[in-house]
Amino acid sequence: MNNKTIEIDINNGGRLKVYQSDTDKIRGGVALEDIDSNGKVGRRDLIDEGDFVMLMNYYRYIKDYDIKDEFININGKNSKKEMENQLL
């Protein structure tokens, strides 16, 4: 099995685990697990590869253009509407 894994400690004492097993790759997805402080998996999702890349690109866009976003960049200097108008 070719398992590529990233584990990140999160603020509630748990971990976020992102990986892609051979089976996930065949299914075209990336696995995401929320693991609580006792090591129990609370939630498991399979995110489509394309959606996963789109999420990373969206994050980069918000950060690169310092756009105010309630989840990614709450102190951003630019509004989403202003940036959309500039791109048109």
N, C-alpha and C. Protein backbone atom coordinates (compact mmCIF):
# COMPACT_ATOMS: atom_id res chain seq x y z
N MET A 1 0.85 -1.19 0.00
CA MET A 1 0.00 0.00 0.00
C MET A 1 0.88 1.24 0.00
N ASN A 2 0.57 2.17 -0.86
CA ASN A 2 1.29 3.44 -0.95
C ASN A 2 0.47 4.50 -0.23
N ASN A 3 0.80 4.77 1.03
CA ASN A 3 0.01 5.68 1.85
C ASN A 3 0.79 6.97 2.10
N LYS A 4 0.30 8.09 1.56
CA LYS A 4 0.92 9.40 1.78
C LYS A 4 0.07 10.11 2.82
N THR A 5 0.67 10.46 3.97
CA THR A 5 -0.10 10.98 5.09
C THR A 5 0.47 12.27 5.64
N ILE A 6 -0.42 13.20 5.97
CA ILE A 6 -0.08 14.42 6.71
C ILE A 6 -0.96 14.42 7.95
N GLU A 7 -0.35 14.56 9.12
CA GLU A 7 -1.11 14.68 10.37
C GLU A 7 -0.79 16.02 11.01
N ILE A 8 -1.84 16.73 11.41
CA ILE A 8 -1.69 18.07 11.98
C ILE A 8 -2.37 18.10 13.34
N ASP A 9 -1.64 18.53 14.38
CA ASP A 9 -2.25 18.72 15.69
C ASP A 9 -3.17 19.94 15.61
N ILE A 10 -4.38 19.80 16.15
CA ILE A 10 -5.33 20.91 16.14
C ILE A 10 -5.64 21.34 17.57
N ASN A 11 -6.24 22.50 17.70
CA ASN A 11 -6.35 23.17 19.00
C ASN A 11 -7.22 22.47 20.03
N ASN A 12 -7.98 21.47 19.67
CA ASN A 12 -8.82 20.79 20.66
C ASN A 12 -8.16 19.53 21.22
N GLY A 13 -6.87 19.38 20.99
CA GLY A 13 -6.15 18.21 21.47
C GLY A 13 -6.21 17.04 20.51
N GLY A 14 -6.91 17.21 19.42
CA GLY A 14 -7.03 16.15 18.43
C GLY A 14 -6.06 16.35 17.28
N ARG A 15 -6.30 15.60 16.22
CA ARG A 15 -5.45 15.68 15.03
C ARG A 15 -6.33 15.66 13.78
N LEU A 16 -5.83 16.28 12.76
CA LEU A 16 -6.45 16.22 11.44
C LEU A 16 -5.49 15.41 10.58
N LYS A 17 -6.01 14.38 9.95
CA LYS A 17 -5.19 13.49 9.14
C LYS A 17 -5.67 13.55 7.69
N VAL A 18 -4.75 13.83 6.78
CA VAL A 18 -5.04 13.89 5.35
C VAL A 18 -4.14 12.85 4.68
N TYR A 19 -4.74 11.97 3.90
CA TYR A 19 -3.93 10.95 3.23
C TYR A 19 -4.62 10.44 1.98
N GLN A 20 -3.85 9.70 1.19
CA GLN A 20 -4.41 9.08 -0.01
C GLN A 20 -3.84 7.68 -0.12
N SER A 21 -4.65 6.70 0.19
CA SER A 21 -4.24 5.30 0.03
C SER A 21 -4.38 4.92 -1.45
N ASP A 22 -3.87 3.76 -1.80
CA ASP A 22 -4.03 3.28 -3.17
C ASP A 22 -5.51 3.17 -3.54
N THR A 23 -6.32 2.71 -2.60
CA THR A 23 -7.77 2.58 -2.83
C THR A 23 -8.41 3.95 -3.03
N ASP A 24 -8.00 4.93 -2.19
CA ASP A 24 -8.53 6.29 -2.36
C ASP A 24 -8.16 6.84 -3.73
N LYS A 25 -6.93 6.59 -4.17
CA LYS A 25 -6.46 7.07 -5.47
C LYS A 25 -7.32 6.47 -6.59
N ILE A 26 -7.61 5.19 -6.51
CA ILE A 26 -8.45 4.53 -7.51
C ILE A 26 -9.84 5.17 -7.53
N ARG A 27 -10.33 5.53 -6.35
CA ARG A 27 -11.65 6.17 -6.24
C ARG A 27 -11.60 7.66 -6.57
N GLY A 28 -10.39 8.20 -6.83
CA GLY A 28 -10.25 9.60 -7.22
C GLY A 28 -10.40 10.56 -6.06
N GLY A 29 -10.04 10.12 -4.85
CA GLY A 29 -10.25 10.97 -3.69
C GLY A 29 -9.06 11.09 -2.76
N VAL A 30 -9.19 12.03 -1.83
CA VAL A 30 -8.23 12.27 -0.76
C VAL A 30 -9.00 12.10 0.55
N ALA A 31 -8.48 11.27 1.46
CA ALA A 31 -9.17 11.02 2.72
C ALA A 31 -8.84 12.11 3.74
N LEU A 32 -9.85 12.45 4.54
CA LEU A 32 -9.71 13.44 5.60
C LEU A 32 -10.35 12.85 6.85
N GLU A 33 -9.56 12.76 7.94
CA GLU A 33 -10.07 12.22 9.19
C GLU A 33 -9.88 13.22 10.32
N ASP A 34 -10.92 13.36 11.14
CA ASP A 34 -10.83 14.11 12.39
C ASP A 34 -10.64 13.09 13.50
N ILE A 35 -9.54 13.20 14.23
CA ILE A 35 -9.22 12.25 15.29
C ILE A 35 -9.23 13.01 16.61
N ASP A 36 -10.03 12.53 17.57
CA ASP A 36 -10.15 13.25 18.84
C ASP A 36 -8.93 13.01 19.74
N SER A 37 -8.93 13.63 20.90
CA SER A 37 -7.77 13.56 21.79
C SER A 37 -7.55 12.15 22.35
N ASN A 38 -8.53 11.27 22.21
CA ASN A 38 -8.39 9.87 22.64
C ASN A 38 -7.96 8.95 21.50
N GLY A 39 -7.74 9.53 20.32
CA GLY A 39 -7.32 8.75 19.17
C GLY A 39 -8.46 8.13 18.39
N LYS A 40 -9.69 8.48 18.72
CA LYS A 40 -10.87 7.94 18.03
C LYS A 40 -11.23 8.81 16.83
N VAL A 41 -11.50 8.17 15.70
CA VAL A 41 -11.91 8.90 14.50
C VAL A 41 -13.35 9.36 14.68
N GLY A 42 -13.53 10.69 14.66
CA GLY A 42 -14.86 11.26 14.82
C GLY A 42 -15.58 11.43 13.50
N ARG A 43 -14.82 11.67 12.46
CA ARG A 43 -15.41 11.88 11.14
C ARG A 43 -14.38 11.50 10.09
N ARG A 44 -14.86 10.90 9.02
CA ARG A 44 -13.99 10.52 7.90
C ARG A 44 -14.69 10.93 6.61
N ASP A 45 -13.98 11.65 5.76
CA ASP A 45 -14.52 12.09 4.47
C ASP A 45 -13.57 11.70 3.35
N LEU A 46 -14.12 11.49 2.16
CA LEU A 46 -13.32 11.30 0.96
C LEU A 46 -13.62 12.49 0.05
N ILE A 47 -12.62 13.33 -0.16
CA ILE A 47 -12.79 14.54 -0.97
C ILE A 47 -12.27 14.25 -2.38
N ASP A 48 -13.05 14.58 -3.38
CA ASP A 48 -12.64 14.41 -4.77
C ASP A 48 -11.31 15.13 -4.99
N GLU A 49 -10.40 14.51 -5.74
CA GLU A 49 -9.08 15.11 -5.98
C GLU A 49 -9.20 16.53 -6.55
N GLY A 50 -10.09 16.71 -7.52
CA GLY A 50 -10.27 18.02 -8.13
C GLY A 50 -10.78 19.05 -7.13
N ASP A 51 -11.71 18.63 -6.27
CA ASP A 51 -12.22 19.54 -5.23
C ASP A 51 -11.12 19.90 -4.24
N PHE A 52 -10.27 18.94 -3.90
CA PHE A 52 -9.17 19.19 -2.97
C PHE A 52 -8.22 20.25 -3.55
N VAL A 53 -7.87 20.10 -4.82
CA VAL A 53 -6.99 21.08 -5.47
C VAL A 53 -7.67 22.44 -5.55
N MET A 54 -8.98 22.46 -5.86
CA MET A 54 -9.72 23.71 -5.92
C MET A 54 -9.70 24.42 -4.56
N LEU A 55 -9.86 23.67 -3.47
CA LEU A 55 -9.81 24.26 -2.14
C LEU A 55 -8.45 24.89 -1.85
N MET A 56 -7.38 24.22 -2.25
CA MET A 56 -6.03 24.77 -2.05
C MET A 56 -5.84 26.03 -2.90
N ASN A 57 -6.34 26.00 -4.13
CA ASN A 57 -6.23 27.18 -5.00
C ASN A 57 -7.05 28.35 -4.45
N TYR A 58 -8.23 28.06 -3.90
CA TYR A 58 -9.06 29.11 -3.29
C TYR A 58 -8.33 29.74 -2.11
N TYR A 59 -7.72 28.92 -1.28
CA TYR A 59 -6.94 29.41 -0.13
C TYR A 59 -5.83 30.36 -0.62
N ARG A 60 -5.09 29.92 -1.63
CA ARG A 60 -4.00 30.75 -2.17
C ARG A 60 -4.52 32.08 -2.71
N TYR A 61 -5.64 32.03 -3.43
CA TYR A 61 -6.23 33.24 -3.99
C TYR A 61 -6.59 34.23 -2.89
N ILE A 62 -7.25 33.76 -1.84
CA ILE A 62 -7.64 34.62 -0.72
C ILE A 62 -6.41 35.24 -0.08
N LYS A 63 -5.37 34.44 0.14
CA LYS A 63 -4.15 34.94 0.80
C LYS A 63 -3.36 35.87 -0.13
N ASP A 64 -3.20 35.48 -1.40
CA ASP A 64 -2.41 36.27 -2.34
C ASP A 64 -2.97 37.68 -2.53
N TYR A 65 -4.30 37.79 -2.54
CA TYR A 65 -4.93 39.09 -2.77
C TYR A 65 -5.48 39.73 -1.48
N ASP A 66 -5.12 39.15 -0.34
CA ASP A 66 -5.50 39.67 0.99
C ASP A 66 -6.99 40.00 1.05
N ILE A 67 -7.79 39.02 0.64
CA ILE A 67 -9.23 39.19 0.60
C ILE A 67 -9.83 38.82 1.96
N LYS A 68 -10.74 39.66 2.42
CA LYS A 68 -11.44 39.36 3.68
C LYS A 68 -12.34 38.15 3.47
N ASP A 69 -12.13 37.14 4.28
CA ASP A 69 -12.91 35.90 4.20
C ASP A 69 -13.16 35.42 5.63
N GLU A 70 -14.40 35.09 5.94
CA GLU A 70 -14.77 34.75 7.32
C GLU A 70 -14.12 33.47 7.82
N PHE A 71 -13.56 32.64 6.94
CA PHE A 71 -12.92 31.41 7.38
C PHE A 71 -11.41 31.44 7.23
N ILE A 72 -10.91 32.05 6.17
CA ILE A 72 -9.49 31.96 5.85
C ILE A 72 -8.72 33.20 6.27
N ASN A 73 -9.28 34.38 6.09
CA ASN A 73 -8.52 35.62 6.27
C ASN A 73 -9.44 36.70 6.83
N ILE A 74 -9.80 36.57 8.10
CA ILE A 74 -10.81 37.48 8.67
C ILE A 74 -10.35 38.93 8.73
N ASN A 75 -9.06 39.16 8.69
CA ASN A 75 -8.55 40.53 8.73
C ASN A 75 -8.08 41.03 7.36
N GLY A 76 -8.54 40.37 6.30
CA GLY A 76 -8.14 40.77 4.96
C GLY A 76 -8.52 42.21 4.65
N LYS A 77 -7.74 42.84 3.80
CA LYS A 77 -7.94 44.26 3.48
C LYS A 77 -8.87 44.49 2.29
N ASN A 78 -9.06 43.49 1.46
CA ASN A 78 -9.85 43.66 0.23
C ASN A 78 -11.15 42.86 0.32
N SER A 79 -12.21 43.41 -0.24
CA SER A 79 -13.48 42.68 -0.25
C SER A 79 -13.53 41.77 -1.48
N LYS A 80 -14.29 40.69 -1.36
CA LYS A 80 -14.45 39.76 -2.48
C LYS A 80 -15.06 40.46 -3.69
N LYS A 81 -16.07 41.31 -3.43
CA LYS A 81 -16.76 42.02 -4.53
C LYS A 81 -15.79 42.92 -5.29
N GLU A 82 -14.96 43.67 -4.55
CA GLU A 82 -13.99 44.57 -5.20
C GLU A 82 -13.01 43.77 -6.07
N MET A 83 -12.55 42.63 -5.58
CA MET A 83 -11.62 41.83 -6.35
C MET A 83 -12.29 41.23 -7.58
N GLU A 84 -13.54 40.80 -7.45
CA GLU A 84 -14.27 40.26 -8.59
C GLU A 84 -14.44 41.32 -9.66
N ASN A 85 -14.77 42.55 -9.26
CA ASN A 85 -14.95 43.65 -10.22
C ASN A 85 -13.65 43.99 -10.94
N GLN A 86 -12.52 43.90 -10.25
CA GLN A 86 -11.23 44.19 -10.88
C GLN A 86 -10.85 43.12 -11.90
N LEU A 87 -11.32 41.89 -11.69
CA LEU A 87 -10.97 40.81 -12.60
C LEU A 87 -11.83 40.81 -13.86
N LEU A 88 -12.95 41.53 -13.84
CA LEU A 88 -13.85 41.54 -15.01
C LEU A 88 -13.37 42.44 -16.09
